[in-house]
Amino acid sequence: MGDWDRPSSGDWANVLASFPLFSGVGKRQLRRLAKTATIAEFAAGDEVVSKGESTDSLYVILGGGARVPGRPAARALGVGDYFGELALIDGGPRSATVIATAELHVMKLPSRSVLQLARRHRRVTLTILRDLTAHVRRLETQLAPAG
C-alpha cells in the first residue's frame, strides 16, 4: 500500500478484494467503487449508526470492532463485516444501532454504487442474501421457545 494518509483507489480495491462480500469482483470495479467511498473513524463507545436514522450507505469494517446491541439479536462485528444492508435493499431507516467497541475504521459505500455493483456481480447479491438468511435463522433460534 502507498502512503497510509493518502491510499489510492487501487489500494482500497485490494483491501475490498480480501473481504468475502467482494470476492470474485474485478479490481477495476472495486477501484470504481472505492472512488465513491469515504472513510470514517470512531472511538470505542461511539454510535456509528442509530436505529431509525435515514442514510444511504453500506458500511464495511476495515479495522477495529463494533457491536449491534439488543436482545436477542446482539452480535459482534469485526474486520470484513458489513452493516447497513437492510437500508441498502429497501431504502428504509436503519433497523439497528451499531456501536464501536474499539477504535473503528469503516468504509462508507454509497448505496447507489453498491447496488450498481450488485447488479453486475450476482455473487455480491447472493452473499448479502446468504448473510441475511443466516441472521434470520439465528434470530428464529434465539426466539424459539425451549422445548
C-alpha atoms as a PDB file:
ATOM      1  CA  MET A   1       0.000   0.000   0.000  1.00  0.00           C
ATOM      2  CA  GLY A   2       1.072   3.547  -0.551  1.00  0.00           C
ATOM      3  CA  ASP A   3       1.204   6.318   1.996  1.00  0.00           C
ATOM      4  CA  TRP A   4      -1.459   5.481   4.645  1.00  0.00           C
ATOM      5  CA  ASP A   5      -2.547   9.120   4.744  1.00  0.00           C
ATOM      6  CA  ARG A   6      -3.339   9.011   1.055  1.00  0.00           C
ATOM      7  CA  PRO A   7      -4.168   5.496  -0.123  1.00  0.00           C
ATOM      8  CA  SER A   8      -5.240   5.245  -3.732  1.00  0.00           C
ATOM      9  CA  SER A   9      -8.455   3.697  -5.014  1.00  0.00           C
ATOM     10  CA  GLY A  10      -6.250   0.808  -6.138  1.00  0.00           C
ATOM     11  CA  ASP A  11      -5.044   0.321  -2.560  1.00  0.00           C
ATOM     12  CA  TRP A  12      -8.646   0.300  -1.317  1.00  0.00           C
ATOM     13  CA  ALA A  13      -9.624  -2.097  -4.115  1.00  0.00           C
ATOM     14  CA  ASN A  14      -7.015  -4.536  -2.802  1.00  0.00           C
ATOM     15  CA  VAL A  15      -8.463  -4.252   0.705  1.00  0.00           C
ATOM     16  CA  LEU A  16     -12.036  -4.781  -0.511  1.00  0.00           C
ATOM     17  CA  ALA A  17     -10.965  -7.767  -2.634  1.00  0.00           C
ATOM     18  CA  SER A  18      -9.797  -9.517   0.540  1.00  0.00           C
ATOM     19  CA  PHE A  19     -13.329  -9.466   2.039  1.00  0.00           C
ATOM     20  CA  PRO A  20     -15.850 -12.254   1.291  1.00  0.00           C
ATOM     21  CA  LEU A  21     -18.537  -9.788   0.189  1.00  0.00           C
ATOM     22  CA  PHE A  22     -16.405  -8.705  -2.755  1.00  0.00           C
ATOM     23  CA  SER A  23     -14.739 -11.990  -3.700  1.00  0.00           C
ATOM     24  CA  GLY A  24     -14.870 -12.542  -7.432  1.00  0.00           C
ATOM     25  CA  VAL A  25     -15.324  -8.847  -8.232  1.00  0.00           C
ATOM     26  CA  GLY A  26     -12.667  -7.486 -10.565  1.00  0.00           C
ATOM     27  CA  LYS A  27     -10.157  -4.885  -9.428  1.00  0.00           C
ATOM     28  CA  ARG A  28     -11.436  -2.339 -11.960  1.00  0.00           C
ATOM     29  CA  GLN A  29     -14.949  -2.476 -10.494  1.00  0.00           C
ATOM     30  CA  LEU A  30     -13.568  -2.334  -6.936  1.00  0.00           C
ATOM     31  CA  ARG A  31     -11.440   0.718  -7.805  1.00  0.00           C
ATOM     32  CA  ARG A  32     -14.563   2.377  -9.220  1.00  0.00           C
ATOM     33  CA  LEU A  33     -16.469   1.528  -6.019  1.00  0.00           C
ATOM     34  CA  ALA A  34     -13.624   2.767  -3.790  1.00  0.00           C
ATOM     35  CA  LYS A  35     -13.596   6.120  -5.594  1.00  0.00           C
ATOM     36  CA  THR A  36     -17.145   6.754  -4.365  1.00  0.00           C
ATOM     37  CA  ALA A  37     -16.365   5.755  -0.770  1.00  0.00           C
ATOM     38  CA  THR A  38     -15.497   7.762   2.303  1.00  0.00           C
ATOM     39  CA  ILE A  39     -13.502   6.573   5.285  1.00  0.00           C
ATOM     40  CA  ALA A  40     -14.702   7.244   8.823  1.00  0.00           C
ATOM     41  CA  GLU A  41     -13.154   6.617  12.228  1.00  0.00           C
ATOM     42  CA  PHE A  42     -14.910   6.123  15.564  1.00  0.00           C
ATOM     43  CA  ALA A  43     -13.675   5.769  19.141  1.00  0.00           C
ATOM     44  CA  ALA A  44     -14.787   2.928  21.400  1.00  0.00           C
ATOM     45  CA  GLY A  45     -18.302   3.667  22.619  1.00  0.00           C
ATOM     46  CA  ASP A  46     -19.204   5.926  19.694  1.00  0.00           C
ATOM     47  CA  GLU A  47     -22.514   5.302  17.972  1.00  0.00           C
ATOM     48  CA  VAL A  48     -21.765   4.624  14.313  1.00  0.00           C
ATOM     49  CA  VAL A  49     -25.379   4.455  13.137  1.00  0.00           C
ATOM     50  CA  SER A  50     -28.613   4.839  15.079  1.00  0.00           C
ATOM     51  CA  LYS A  51     -31.784   2.838  14.746  1.00  0.00           C
ATOM     52  CA  GLY A  52     -34.375   4.832  12.829  1.00  0.00           C
ATOM     53  CA  GLU A  53     -31.982   7.234  11.117  1.00  0.00           C
ATOM     54  CA  SER A  54     -32.012   7.693   7.389  1.00  0.00           C
ATOM     55  CA  THR A  55     -28.843   7.002   5.443  1.00  0.00           C
ATOM     56  CA  ASP A  56     -27.761   5.692   2.097  1.00  0.00           C
ATOM     57  CA  SER A  57     -24.503   3.871   2.833  1.00  0.00           C
ATOM     58  CA  LEU A  58     -23.265   0.356   3.363  1.00  0.00           C
ATOM     59  CA  TYR A  59     -20.507   0.266   5.978  1.00  0.00           C
ATOM     60  CA  VAL A  60     -17.563  -2.143   5.656  1.00  0.00           C
ATOM     61  CA  ILE A  61     -15.301  -2.580   8.697  1.00  0.00           C
ATOM     62  CA  LEU A  62     -11.643  -2.026   7.807  1.00  0.00           C
ATOM     63  CA  GLY A  63     -10.256  -2.199  11.344  1.00  0.00           C
ATOM     64  CA  GLY A  64     -11.454  -2.493  14.917  1.00  0.00           C
ATOM     65  CA  GLY A  65     -14.752  -3.834  16.128  1.00  0.00           C
ATOM     66  CA  ALA A  66     -18.370  -2.945  16.714  1.00  0.00           C
ATOM     67  CA  ARG A  67     -21.492  -4.477  18.158  1.00  0.00           C
ATOM     68  CA  VAL A  68     -25.171  -4.443  17.448  1.00  0.00           C
ATOM     69  CA  PRO A  69     -26.771  -4.329  20.891  1.00  0.00           C
ATOM     70  CA  GLY A  70     -30.112  -5.845  21.653  1.00  0.00           C
ATOM     71  CA  ARG A  71     -31.892  -8.908  22.792  1.00  0.00           C
ATOM     72  CA  PRO A  72     -31.878 -11.472  21.375  1.00  0.00           C
ATOM     73  CA  ALA A  73     -30.068 -10.114  18.325  1.00  0.00           C
ATOM     74  CA  ALA A  74     -26.840  -8.817  19.917  1.00  0.00           C
ATOM     75  CA  ARG A  75     -23.874  -9.591  17.717  1.00  0.00           C
ATOM     76  CA  ALA A  76     -20.234  -8.626  17.358  1.00  0.00           C
ATOM     77  CA  LEU A  77     -18.781  -7.255  14.126  1.00  0.00           C
ATOM     78  CA  GLY A  78     -15.149  -7.292  13.028  1.00  0.00           C
ATOM     79  CA  VAL A  79     -12.852  -6.661  10.082  1.00  0.00           C
ATOM     80  CA  GLY A  80     -14.530  -7.588   6.800  1.00  0.00           C
ATOM     81  CA  ASP A  81     -18.028  -7.498   8.255  1.00  0.00           C
ATOM     82  CA  TYR A  82     -20.531  -5.004   6.922  1.00  0.00           C
ATOM     83  CA  PHE A  83     -23.760  -3.407   8.057  1.00  0.00           C
ATOM     84  CA  GLY A  84     -26.469  -1.258   6.548  1.00  0.00           C
ATOM     85  CA  GLU A  85     -27.630  -3.891   4.090  1.00  0.00           C
ATOM     86  CA  LEU A  86     -31.306  -3.683   5.037  1.00  0.00           C
ATOM     87  CA  ALA A  87     -31.463   0.051   4.324  1.00  0.00           C
ATOM     88  CA  LEU A  88     -29.446  -0.611   1.174  1.00  0.00           C
ATOM     89  CA  ILE A  89     -32.067  -3.071  -0.064  1.00  0.00           C
ATOM     90  CA  ASP A  90     -35.308  -1.366   0.925  1.00  0.00           C
ATOM     91  CA  GLY A  91     -34.305   2.282   1.333  1.00  0.00           C
ATOM     92  CA  GLY A  92     -35.867   2.342   4.794  1.00  0.00           C
ATOM     93  CA  PRO A  93     -34.409   3.748   8.002  1.00  0.00           C
ATOM     94  CA  ARG A  94     -31.729   1.929   9.995  1.00  0.00           C
ATOM     95  CA  SER A  95     -33.112  -1.141  11.743  1.00  0.00           C
ATOM     96  CA  ALA A  96     -30.425  -1.251  14.416  1.00  0.00           C
ATOM     97  CA  THR A  97     -27.879   0.812  16.283  1.00  0.00           C
ATOM     98  CA  VAL A  98     -24.198  -0.041  15.817  1.00  0.00           C
ATOM     99  CA  ILE A  99     -21.649   0.940  18.479  1.00  0.00           C
ATOM    100  CA  ALA A 100     -17.855   0.863  18.172  1.00  0.00           C
ATOM    101  CA  THR A 101     -16.264  -1.493  20.704  1.00  0.00           C
ATOM    102  CA  ALA A 102     -12.713  -0.423  19.881  1.00  0.00           C
ATOM    103  CA  GLU A 103     -11.169   2.190  17.636  1.00  0.00           C
ATOM    104  CA  LEU A 104     -13.161   1.553  14.474  1.00  0.00           C
ATOM    105  CA  HIS A 105     -12.322   2.311  10.849  1.00  0.00           C
ATOM    106  CA  VAL A 106     -15.074   1.904   8.277  1.00  0.00           C
ATOM    107  CA  MET A 107     -15.507   2.490   4.592  1.00  0.00           C
ATOM    108  CA  LYS A 108     -18.863   4.062   3.785  1.00  0.00           C
ATOM    109  CA  LEU A 109     -20.047   2.932   0.378  1.00  0.00           C
ATOM    110  CA  PRO A 110     -22.941   4.842  -1.214  1.00  0.00           C
ATOM    111  CA  SER A 111     -25.981   2.645  -1.803  1.00  0.00           C
ATOM    112  CA  ARG A 112     -26.188   3.623  -5.443  1.00  0.00           C
ATOM    113  CA  SER A 113     -22.622   2.405  -6.096  1.00  0.00           C
ATOM    114  CA  VAL A 114     -23.123  -0.864  -4.187  1.00  0.00           C
ATOM    115  CA  LEU A 115     -26.406  -1.591  -5.974  1.00  0.00           C
ATOM    116  CA  GLN A 116     -24.783  -0.954  -9.369  1.00  0.00           C
ATOM    117  CA  LEU A 117     -22.022  -3.397  -8.457  1.00  0.00           C
ATOM    118  CA  ALA A 118     -24.551  -5.967  -7.188  1.00  0.00           C
ATOM    119  CA  ARG A 119     -26.449  -5.798 -10.498  1.00  0.00           C
ATOM    120  CA  ARG A 120     -23.265  -6.684 -12.367  1.00  0.00           C
ATOM    121  CA  HIS A 121     -21.995  -9.288  -9.897  1.00  0.00           C
ATOM    122  CA  ARG A 122     -24.589 -11.757  -8.669  1.00  0.00           C
ATOM    123  CA  ARG A 123     -22.127 -13.117  -6.128  1.00  0.00           C
ATOM    124  CA  VAL A 124     -22.335  -9.832  -4.175  1.00  0.00           C
ATOM    125  CA  THR A 125     -26.131 -10.080  -4.104  1.00  0.00           C
ATOM    126  CA  LEU A 126     -26.037 -13.749  -3.134  1.00  0.00           C
ATOM    127  CA  THR A 127     -23.531 -13.073  -0.336  1.00  0.00           C
ATOM    128  CA  ILE A 128     -25.757 -10.367   1.127  1.00  0.00           C
ATOM    129  CA  LEU A 129     -28.798 -12.664   0.864  1.00  0.00           C
ATOM    130  CA  ARG A 130     -26.892 -15.581   2.430  1.00  0.00           C
ATOM    131  CA  ASP A 131     -25.732 -13.389   5.322  1.00  0.00           C
ATOM    132  CA  LEU A 132     -29.250 -12.004   5.869  1.00  0.00           C
ATOM    133  CA  THR A 133     -30.676 -15.520   5.830  1.00  0.00           C
ATOM    134  CA  ALA A 134     -28.125 -16.664   8.424  1.00  0.00           C
ATOM    135  CA  HIS A 135     -29.073 -13.710  10.620  1.00  0.00           C
ATOM    136  CA  VAL A 136     -32.800 -14.521  10.337  1.00  0.00           C
ATOM    137  CA  ARG A 137     -32.084 -18.145  11.261  1.00  0.00           C
ATOM    138  CA  ARG A 138     -30.092 -17.025  14.342  1.00  0.00           C
ATOM    139  CA  LEU A 139     -32.992 -14.821  15.396  1.00  0.00           C
ATOM    140  CA  GLU A 140     -35.502 -17.632  14.895  1.00  0.00           C
ATOM    141  CA  THR A 141     -33.384 -19.961  17.007  1.00  0.00           C
ATOM    142  CA  GLN A 142     -32.990 -17.373  19.759  1.00  0.00           C
ATOM    143  CA  LEU A 143     -36.707 -16.579  19.774  1.00  0.00           C
ATOM    144  CA  ALA A 144     -37.926 -20.160  19.596  1.00  0.00           C
ATOM    145  CA  PRO A 145     -39.469 -21.446  22.814  1.00  0.00           C
ATOM    146  CA  ALA A 146     -37.441 -24.076  24.648  1.00  0.00           C
ATOM    147  CA  GLY A 147     -38.911 -27.461  24.103  1.00  0.00           C
END
